[in-house]
Amino acid sequence: MCRNIRTLFNFDPPVTPEEVRAASLQFVRKISGFNKPSKANEAAFQAAVEQIAVISNRFIHSLETNAPPRSREEEAAKAKARAAARFGD
């Protein structure tokens, strides 16, 4: 359920608003237990996603580091190698 919640800080190119929103959506799904909320809860669900996305974006852009930015391609290759080792080809 939380496969889109990834480290979003210190990457080159920087995180996009779509990536922050996807992580926010997965977070709200996880804590609410809803993959898709009922009509009665839809407004609260969407409001939570938007608020968490705004706060997360503000948080990520306020962080500072001296480390060089990580490459998305390199991190994806490492994740693929870990998955292959874990699950086999």
PDB file of N, CA and C in Angstrom:
ATOM      1  N   MET A   1       0.812  -1.192   0.000  1.00  0.00           N
ATOM      2  CA  MET A   1       0.000   0.000   0.000  1.00  0.00           C
ATOM      3  C   MET A   1       0.860   1.261   0.000  1.00  0.00           C
ATOM      4  N   CYS A   2       2.044   1.239   0.574  1.00  0.00           N
ATOM      5  CA  CYS A   2       2.839   2.462   0.714  1.00  0.00           C
ATOM      6  C   CYS A   2       4.017   2.511  -0.246  1.00  0.00           C
ATOM      7  N   ARG A   3       3.900   1.891  -1.382  1.00  0.00           N
ATOM      8  CA  ARG A   3       5.042   1.845  -2.290  1.00  0.00           C
ATOM      9  C   ARG A   3       5.424   3.213  -2.837  1.00  0.00           C
ATOM     10  N   ASN A   4       4.529   4.202  -2.820  1.00  0.00           N
ATOM     11  CA  ASN A   4       4.863   5.530  -3.317  1.00  0.00           C
ATOM     12  C   ASN A   4       5.455   6.432  -2.251  1.00  0.00           C
ATOM     13  N   ILE A   5       5.514   5.966  -1.021  1.00  0.00           N
ATOM     14  CA  ILE A   5       6.155   6.776   0.006  1.00  0.00           C
ATOM     15  C   ILE A   5       7.637   6.456  -0.048  1.00  0.00           C
ATOM     16  N   ARG A   6       8.367   7.386  -0.624  1.00  0.00           N
ATOM     17  CA  ARG A   6       9.800   7.216  -0.831  1.00  0.00           C
ATOM     18  C   ARG A   6      10.512   8.436  -0.265  1.00  0.00           C
ATOM     19  N   THR A   7      11.817   8.308  -0.133  1.00  0.00           N
ATOM     20  CA  THR A   7      12.605   9.462   0.243  1.00  0.00           C
ATOM     21  C   THR A   7      12.517  10.462  -0.903  1.00  0.00           C
ATOM     22  N   LEU A   8      12.153  11.680  -0.589  1.00  0.00           N
ATOM     23  CA  LEU A   8      11.966  12.703  -1.614  1.00  0.00           C
ATOM     24  C   LEU A   8      12.968  13.846  -1.507  1.00  0.00           C
ATOM     25  N   PHE A   9      13.776  13.823  -0.473  1.00  0.00           N
ATOM     26  CA  PHE A   9      14.703  14.921  -0.219  1.00  0.00           C
ATOM     27  C   PHE A   9      16.071  14.654  -0.847  1.00  0.00           C
ATOM     28  N   ASN A  10      16.664  15.722  -1.368  1.00  0.00           N
ATOM     29  CA  ASN A  10      18.043  15.739  -1.861  1.00  0.00           C
ATOM     30  C   ASN A  10      18.243  14.870  -3.097  1.00  0.00           C
ATOM     31  N   PHE A  11      17.414  15.082  -4.096  1.00  0.00           N
ATOM     32  CA  PHE A  11      17.559  14.389  -5.364  1.00  0.00           C
ATOM     33  C   PHE A  11      17.784  15.391  -6.485  1.00  0.00           C
ATOM     34  N   ASP A  12      18.436  14.932  -7.519  1.00  0.00           N
ATOM     35  CA  ASP A  12      18.616  15.718  -8.721  1.00  0.00           C
ATOM     36  C   ASP A  12      18.036  14.933  -9.879  1.00  0.00           C
ATOM     37  N   PRO A  13      17.006  15.380 -10.533  1.00  0.00           N
ATOM     38  CA  PRO A  13      16.287  16.634 -10.349  1.00  0.00           C
ATOM     39  C   PRO A  13      15.445  16.612  -9.067  1.00  0.00           C
ATOM     40  N   PRO A  14      15.103  17.809  -8.558  1.00  0.00           N
ATOM     41  CA  PRO A  14      14.341  17.900  -7.310  1.00  0.00           C
ATOM     42  C   PRO A  14      12.965  17.243  -7.411  1.00  0.00           C
ATOM     43  N   VAL A  15      12.393  17.008  -6.258  1.00  0.00           N
ATOM     44  CA  VAL A  15      11.070  16.393  -6.166  1.00  0.00           C
ATOM     45  C   VAL A  15      10.028  17.261  -6.877  1.00  0.00           C
ATOM     46  N   THR A  16       9.056  16.610  -7.481  1.00  0.00           N
ATOM     47  CA  THR A  16       7.980  17.336  -8.163  1.00  0.00           C
ATOM     48  C   THR A  16       6.739  17.372  -7.265  1.00  0.00           C
ATOM     49  N   PRO A  17       5.843  18.317  -7.497  1.00  0.00           N
ATOM     50  CA  PRO A  17       4.593  18.347  -6.727  1.00  0.00           C
ATOM     51  C   PRO A  17       3.779  17.061  -6.882  1.00  0.00           C
ATOM     52  N   GLU A  18       3.853  16.429  -8.041  1.00  0.00           N
ATOM     53  CA  GLU A  18       3.123  15.176  -8.264  1.00  0.00           C
ATOM     54  C   GLU A  18       3.671  14.054  -7.374  1.00  0.00           C
ATOM     55  N   GLU A  19       4.985  14.017  -7.196  1.00  0.00           N
ATOM     56  CA  GLU A  19       5.581  13.000  -6.329  1.00  0.00           C
ATOM     57  C   GLU A  19       5.194  13.224  -4.872  1.00  0.00           C
ATOM     58  N   VAL A  20       5.170  14.471  -4.446  1.00  0.00           N
ATOM     59  CA  VAL A  20       4.770  14.787  -3.069  1.00  0.00           C
ATOM     60  C   VAL A  20       3.309  14.407  -2.860  1.00  0.00           C
ATOM     61  N   ARG A  21       2.462  14.723  -3.833  1.00  0.00           N
ATOM     62  CA  ARG A  21       1.042  14.388  -3.710  1.00  0.00           C
ATOM     63  C   ARG A  21       0.823  12.877  -3.685  1.00  0.00           C
ATOM     64  N   ALA A  22       1.570  12.134  -4.512  1.00  0.00           N
ATOM     65  CA  ALA A  22       1.434  10.671  -4.530  1.00  0.00           C
ATOM     66  C   ALA A  22       1.823  10.077  -3.176  1.00  0.00           C
ATOM     67  N   ALA A  23       2.898  10.584  -2.585  1.00  0.00           N
ATOM     68  CA  ALA A  23       3.303  10.110  -1.264  1.00  0.00           C
ATOM     69  C   ALA A  23       2.266  10.491  -0.210  1.00  0.00           C
ATOM     70  N   SER A  24       1.701  11.685  -0.326  1.00  0.00           N
ATOM     71  CA  SER A  24       0.673  12.139   0.612  1.00  0.00           C
ATOM     72  C   SER A  24      -0.572  11.264   0.511  1.00  0.00           C
ATOM     73  N   LEU A  25      -0.962  10.931  -0.705  1.00  0.00           N
ATOM     74  CA  LEU A  25      -2.115  10.055  -0.921  1.00  0.00           C
ATOM     75  C   LEU A  25      -1.885   8.688  -0.279  1.00  0.00           C
ATOM     76  N   GLN A  26      -0.711   8.121  -0.477  1.00  0.00           N
ATOM     77  CA  GLN A  26      -0.412   6.819   0.108  1.00  0.00           C
ATOM     78  C   GLN A  26      -0.410   6.891   1.636  1.00  0.00           C
ATOM     79  N   PHE A  27       0.104   7.997   2.181  1.00  0.00           N
ATOM     80  CA  PHE A  27       0.116   8.166   3.634  1.00  0.00           C
ATOM     81  C   PHE A  27      -1.303   8.204   4.182  1.00  0.00           C
ATOM     82  N   VAL A  28      -2.174   9.002   3.551  1.00  0.00           N
ATOM     83  CA  VAL A  28      -3.558   9.101   4.015  1.00  0.00           C
ATOM     84  C   VAL A  28      -4.264   7.761   3.861  1.00  0.00           C
ATOM     85  N   ARG A  29      -4.018   7.049   2.773  1.00  0.00           N
ATOM     86  CA  ARG A  29      -4.599   5.713   2.604  1.00  0.00           C
ATOM     87  C   ARG A  29      -4.158   4.786   3.729  1.00  0.00           C
ATOM     88  N   LYS A  30      -2.883   4.859   4.070  1.00  0.00           N
ATOM     89  CA  LYS A  30      -2.350   3.966   5.106  1.00  0.00           C
ATOM     90  C   LYS A  30      -2.972   4.271   6.467  1.00  0.00           C
ATOM     91  N   ILE A  31      -2.996   5.534   6.869  1.00  0.00           N
ATOM     92  CA  ILE A  31      -3.481   5.830   8.216  1.00  0.00           C
ATOM     93  C   ILE A  31      -4.993   5.741   8.329  1.00  0.00           C
ATOM     94  N   SER A  32      -5.699   5.927   7.195  1.00  0.00           N
ATOM     95  CA  SER A  32      -7.162   5.834   7.248  1.00  0.00           C
ATOM     96  C   SER A  32      -7.659   4.410   7.059  1.00  0.00           C
ATOM     97  N   GLY A  33      -6.874   3.595   6.367  1.00  0.00           N
ATOM     98  CA  GLY A  33      -7.310   2.242   6.053  1.00  0.00           C
ATOM     99  C   GLY A  33      -8.202   2.187   4.823  1.00  0.00           C
ATOM    100  N   PHE A  34      -8.386   3.327   4.156  1.00  0.00           N
ATOM    101  CA  PHE A  34      -9.228   3.391   2.958  1.00  0.00           C
ATOM    102  C   PHE A  34      -8.346   3.445   1.717  1.00  0.00           C
ATOM    103  N   ASN A  35      -8.617   2.576   0.766  1.00  0.00           N
ATOM    104  CA  ASN A  35      -7.980   2.731  -0.533  1.00  0.00           C
ATOM    105  C   ASN A  35      -8.740   3.784  -1.322  1.00  0.00           C
ATOM    106  N   LYS A  36     -10.053   3.729  -1.209  1.00  0.00           N
ATOM    107  CA  LYS A  36     -10.937   4.736  -1.800  1.00  0.00           C
ATOM    108  C   LYS A  36     -12.006   5.021  -0.750  1.00  0.00           C
ATOM    109  N   PRO A  37     -12.109   6.279  -0.301  1.00  0.00           N
ATOM    110  CA  PRO A  37     -13.061   6.576   0.764  1.00  0.00           C
ATOM    111  C   PRO A  37     -14.503   6.541   0.260  1.00  0.00           C
ATOM    112  N   SER A  38     -15.425   6.388   1.189  1.00  0.00           N
ATOM    113  CA  SER A  38     -16.845   6.466   0.861  1.00  0.00           C
ATOM    114  C   SER A  38     -17.183   7.907   0.512  1.00  0.00           C
ATOM    115  N   LYS A  39     -18.339   8.108  -0.078  1.00  0.00           N
ATOM    116  CA  LYS A  39     -18.789   9.468  -0.419  1.00  0.00           C
ATOM    117  C   LYS A  39     -18.841  10.348   0.824  1.00  0.00           C
ATOM    118  N   ALA A  40     -19.241   9.761   1.951  1.00  0.00           N
ATOM    119  CA  ALA A  40     -19.346  10.519   3.196  1.00  0.00           C
ATOM    120  C   ALA A  40     -17.978  11.014   3.680  1.00  0.00           C
ATOM    121  N   ASN A  41     -16.918  10.275   3.376  1.00  0.00           N
ATOM    122  CA  ASN A  41     -15.575  10.619   3.845  1.00  0.00           C
ATOM    123  C   ASN A  41     -14.684  11.216   2.768  1.00  0.00           C
ATOM    124  N   GLU A  42     -15.180  11.319   1.556  1.00  0.00           N
ATOM    125  CA  GLU A  42     -14.334  11.756   0.444  1.00  0.00           C
ATOM    126  C   GLU A  42     -13.770  13.158   0.631  1.00  0.00           C
ATOM    127  N   ALA A  43     -14.571  14.101   1.086  1.00  0.00           N
ATOM    128  CA  ALA A  43     -14.096  15.480   1.268  1.00  0.00           C
ATOM    129  C   ALA A  43     -12.989  15.542   2.318  1.00  0.00           C
ATOM    130  N   ALA A  44     -13.183  14.861   3.432  1.00  0.00           N
ATOM    131  CA  ALA A  44     -12.160  14.852   4.481  1.00  0.00           C
ATOM    132  C   ALA A  44     -10.885  14.169   3.999  1.00  0.00           C
ATOM    133  N   PHE A  45     -11.047  13.093   3.249  1.00  0.00           N
ATOM    134  CA  PHE A  45      -9.909  12.348   2.708  1.00  0.00           C
ATOM    135  C   PHE A  45      -9.091  13.237   1.771  1.00  0.00           C
ATOM    136  N   GLN A  46      -9.763  13.889   0.816  1.00  0.00           N
ATOM    137  CA  GLN A  46      -9.065  14.749  -0.144  1.00  0.00           C
ATOM    138  C   GLN A  46      -8.434  15.957   0.543  1.00  0.00           C
ATOM    139  N   ALA A  47      -9.116  16.511   1.529  1.00  0.00           N
ATOM    140  CA  ALA A  47      -8.562  17.649   2.275  1.00  0.00           C
ATOM    141  C   ALA A  47      -7.285  17.231   3.008  1.00  0.00           C
ATOM    142  N   ALA A  48      -7.292  16.037   3.581  1.00  0.00           N
ATOM    143  CA  ALA A  48      -6.105  15.537   4.279  1.00  0.00           C
ATOM    144  C   ALA A  48      -4.946  15.355   3.307  1.00  0.00           C
ATOM    145  N   VAL A  49      -5.220  14.790   2.141  1.00  0.00           N
ATOM    146  CA  VAL A  49      -4.167  14.600   1.138  1.00  0.00           C
ATOM    147  C   VAL A  49      -3.560  15.944   0.757  1.00  0.00           C
ATOM    148  N   GLU A  50      -4.395  16.927   0.481  1.00  0.00           N
ATOM    149  CA  GLU A  50      -3.899  18.242   0.063  1.00  0.00           C
ATOM    150  C   GLU A  50      -3.113  18.925   1.181  1.00  0.00           C
ATOM    151  N   GLN A  51      -3.609  18.854   2.416  1.00  0.00           N
ATOM    152  CA  GLN A  51      -2.908  19.488   3.533  1.00  0.00           C
ATOM    153  C   GLN A  51      -1.561  18.827   3.789  1.00  0.00           C
ATOM    154  N   ILE A  52      -1.519  17.521   3.733  1.00  0.00           N
ATOM    155  CA  ILE A  52      -0.256  16.802   3.944  1.00  0.00           C
ATOM    156  C   ILE A  52       0.724  17.101   2.818  1.00  0.00           C
ATOM    157  N   ALA A  53       0.233  17.215   1.589  1.00  0.00           N
ATOM    158  CA  ALA A  53       1.102  17.550   0.462  1.00  0.00           C
ATOM    159  C   ALA A  53       1.722  18.933   0.641  1.00  0.00           C
ATOM    160  N   VAL A  54       0.917  19.899   1.070  1.00  0.00           N
ATOM    161  CA  VAL A  54       1.424  21.263   1.284  1.00  0.00           C
ATOM    162  C   VAL A  54       2.482  21.270   2.385  1.00  0.00           C
ATOM    163  N   ILE A  55       2.178  20.627   3.486  1.00  0.00           N
ATOM    164  CA  ILE A  55       3.115  20.589   4.616  1.00  0.00           C
ATOM    165  C   ILE A  55       4.385  19.839   4.243  1.00  0.00           C
ATOM    166  N   SER A  56       4.246  18.723   3.535  1.00  0.00           N
ATOM    167  CA  SER A  56       5.413  17.931   3.122  1.00  0.00           C
ATOM    168  C   SER A  56       6.295  18.728   2.172  1.00  0.00           C
ATOM    169  N   ASN A  57       5.680  19.414   1.227  1.00  0.00           N
ATOM    170  CA  ASN A  57       6.437  20.224   0.275  1.00  0.00           C
ATOM    171  C   ASN A  57       7.203  21.323   1.003  1.00  0.00           C
ATOM    172  N   ARG A  58       6.535  21.996   1.932  1.00  0.00           N
ATOM    173  CA  ARG A  58       7.185  23.049   2.726  1.00  0.00           C
ATOM    174  C   ARG A  58       8.342  22.462   3.537  1.00  0.00           C
ATOM    175  N   PHE A  59       8.110  21.308   4.133  1.00  0.00           N
ATOM    176  CA  PHE A  59       9.136  20.653   4.938  1.00  0.00           C
ATOM    177  C   PHE A  59      10.353  20.279   4.094  1.00  0.00           C
ATOM    178  N   ILE A  60      10.123  19.624   2.960  1.00  0.00           N
ATOM    179  CA  ILE A  60      11.230  19.179   2.105  1.00  0.00           C
ATOM    180  C   ILE A  60      12.068  20.369   1.641  1.00  0.00           C
ATOM    181  N   HIS A  61      11.406  21.462   1.282  1.00  0.00           N
ATOM    182  CA  HIS A  61      12.137  22.621   0.787  1.00  0.00           C
ATOM    183  C   HIS A  61      12.801  23.440   1.897  1.00  0.00           C
ATOM    184  N   SER A  62      12.483  23.155   3.148  1.00  0.00           N
ATOM    185  CA  SER A  62      13.135  23.858   4.253  1.00  0.00           C
ATOM    186  C   SER A  62      14.365  23.112   4.762  1.00  0.00           C
ATOM    187  N   LEU A  63      14.521  21.852   4.365  1.00  0.00           N
ATOM    188  CA  LEU A  63      15.661  21.069   4.822  1.00  0.00           C
ATOM    189  C   LEU A  63      16.952  21.534   4.157  1.00  0.00           C
ATOM    190  N   GLU A  64      18.049  21.372   4.870  1.00  0.00           N
ATOM    191  CA  GLU A  64      19.367  21.729   4.351  1.00  0.00           C
ATOM    192  C   GLU A  64      20.294  20.543   4.498  1.00  0.00           C
ATOM    193  N   THR A  65      21.243  20.433   3.572  1.00  0.00           N
ATOM    194  CA  THR A  65      22.234  19.375   3.638  1.00  0.00           C
ATOM    195  C   THR A  65      23.504  19.811   2.932  1.00  0.00           C
ATOM    196  N   ASN A  66      24.611  19.234   3.340  1.00  0.00           N
ATOM    197  CA  ASN A  66      25.884  19.458   2.664  1.00  0.00           C
ATOM    198  C   ASN A  66      26.196  18.309   1.709  1.00  0.00           C
ATOM    199  N   ALA A  67      25.386  17.263   1.765  1.00  0.00           N
ATOM    200  CA  ALA A  67      25.615  16.101   0.899  1.00  0.00           C
ATOM    201  C   ALA A  67      25.223  16.437  -0.536  1.00  0.00           C
ATOM    202  N   PRO A  68      25.929  15.865  -1.481  1.00  0.00           N
ATOM    203  CA  PRO A  68      25.552  16.107  -2.879  1.00  0.00           C
ATOM    204  C   PRO A  68      24.211  15.435  -3.184  1.00  0.00           C
ATOM    205  N   PRO A  69      23.440  15.992  -4.103  1.00  0.00           N
ATOM    206  CA  PRO A  69      22.158  15.376  -4.460  1.00  0.00           C
ATOM    207  C   PRO A  69      22.355  13.978  -5.031  1.00  0.00           C
ATOM    208  N   ARG A  70      21.417  13.102  -4.713  1.00  0.00           N
ATOM    209  CA  ARG A  70      21.466  11.737  -5.238  1.00  0.00           C
ATOM    210  C   ARG A  70      20.829  11.700  -6.616  1.00  0.00           C
ATOM    211  N   SER A  71      21.303  10.771  -7.409  1.00  0.00           N
ATOM    212  CA  SER A  71      20.761  10.592  -8.753  1.00  0.00           C
ATOM    213  C   SER A  71      19.562   9.656  -8.692  1.00  0.00           C
ATOM    214  N   ARG A  72      18.476  10.053  -9.317  1.00  0.00           N
ATOM    215  CA  ARG A  72      17.283   9.205  -9.339  1.00  0.00           C
ATOM    216  C   ARG A  72      17.555   7.884 -10.050  1.00  0.00           C
ATOM    217  N   GLU A  73      18.321   7.941 -11.128  1.00  0.00           N
ATOM    218  CA  GLU A  73      18.622   6.719 -11.890  1.00  0.00           C
ATOM    219  C   GLU A  73      19.437   5.735 -11.063  1.00  0.00           C
ATOM    220  N   GLU A  74      20.439   6.245 -10.351  1.00  0.00           N
ATOM    221  CA  GLU A  74      21.263   5.374  -9.512  1.00  0.00           C
ATOM    222  C   GLU A  74      20.443   4.749  -8.393  1.00  0.00           C
ATOM    223  N   GLU A  75      19.598   5.543  -7.748  1.00  0.00           N
ATOM    224  CA  GLU A  75      18.759   5.021  -6.670  1.00  0.00           C
ATOM    225  C   GLU A  75      17.761   3.991  -7.194  1.00  0.00           C
ATOM    226  N   ALA A  76      17.219   4.220  -8.388  1.00  0.00           N
ATOM    227  CA  ALA A  76      16.287   3.260  -8.986  1.00  0.00           C
ATOM    228  C   ALA A  76      17.005   1.954  -9.315  1.00  0.00           C
ATOM    229  N   ALA A  77      18.238   2.050  -9.800  1.00  0.00           N
ATOM    230  CA  ALA A  77      19.015   0.839 -10.106  1.00  0.00           C
ATOM    231  C   ALA A  77      19.316   0.059  -8.833  1.00  0.00           C
ATOM    232  N   LYS A  78      19.648   0.761  -7.753  1.00  0.00           N
ATOM    233  CA  LYS A  78      19.900   0.088  -6.471  1.00  0.00           C
ATOM    234  C   LYS A  78      18.638  -0.614  -5.973  1.00  0.00           C
ATOM    235  N   ALA A  79      17.504   0.060  -6.076  1.00  0.00           N
ATOM    236  CA  ALA A  79      16.235  -0.534  -5.630  1.00  0.00           C
ATOM    237  C   ALA A  79      15.896  -1.763  -6.468  1.00  0.00           C
ATOM    238  N   LYS A  80      16.146  -1.690  -7.757  1.00  0.00           N
ATOM    239  CA  LYS A  80      15.880  -2.825  -8.644  1.00  0.00           C
ATOM    240  C   LYS A  80      16.772  -4.009  -8.279  1.00  0.00           C
ATOM    241  N   ALA A  81      18.036  -3.734  -7.975  1.00  0.00           N
ATOM    242  CA  ALA A  81      18.957  -4.793  -7.576  1.00  0.00           C
ATOM    243  C   ALA A  81      18.529  -5.425  -6.251  1.00  0.00           C
ATOM    244  N   ARG A  82      18.075  -4.586  -5.302  1.00  0.00           N
ATOM    245  CA  ARG A  82      17.597  -5.133  -4.023  1.00  0.00           C
ATOM    246  C   ARG A  82      16.366  -6.006  -4.236  1.00  0.00           C
ATOM    247  N   ALA A  83      15.464  -5.569  -5.096  1.00  0.00           N
ATOM    248  CA  ALA A  83      14.258  -6.358  -5.376  1.00  0.00           C
ATOM    249  C   ALA A  83      14.607  -7.671  -6.055  1.00  0.00           C
ATOM    250  N   ALA A  84      15.565  -7.628  -6.969  1.00  0.00           N
ATOM    251  CA  ALA A  84      15.972  -8.871  -7.646  1.00  0.00           C
ATOM    252  C   ALA A  84      16.596  -9.842  -6.658  1.00  0.00           C
ATOM    253  N   ALA A  85      17.409  -9.318  -5.743  1.00  0.00           N
ATOM    254  CA  ALA A  85      18.023 -10.186  -4.740  1.00  0.00           C
ATOM    255  C   ALA A  85      16.953 -10.754  -3.780  1.00  0.00           C
ATOM    256  N   ARG A  86      15.976  -9.949  -3.479  1.00  0.00           N
ATOM    257  CA  ARG A  86      14.941 -10.369  -2.530  1.00  0.00           C
ATOM    258  C   ARG A  86      13.944 -11.337  -3.144  1.00  0.00           C
ATOM    259  N   PHE A  87      13.481 -11.035  -4.345  1.00  0.00           N
ATOM    260  CA  PHE A  87      12.419 -11.822  -4.969  1.00  0.00           C
ATOM    261  C   PHE A  87      12.902 -12.726  -6.101  1.00  0.00           C
ATOM    262  N   GLY A  88      14.136 -12.581  -6.529  1.00  0.00           N
ATOM    263  CA  GLY A  88      14.632 -13.356  -7.660  1.00  0.00           C
ATOM    264  C   GLY A  88      14.178 -12.725  -8.953  1.00  0.00           C
ATOM    265  N   ASP A  89      14.757 -13.160 -10.044  1.00  0.00           N
ATOM    266  CA  ASP A  89      14.410 -12.565 -11.360  1.00  0.00           C
ATOM    267  C   ASP A  89      13.121 -13.038 -11.878  1.00  0.00           C
TER     268      ASP A  89
END
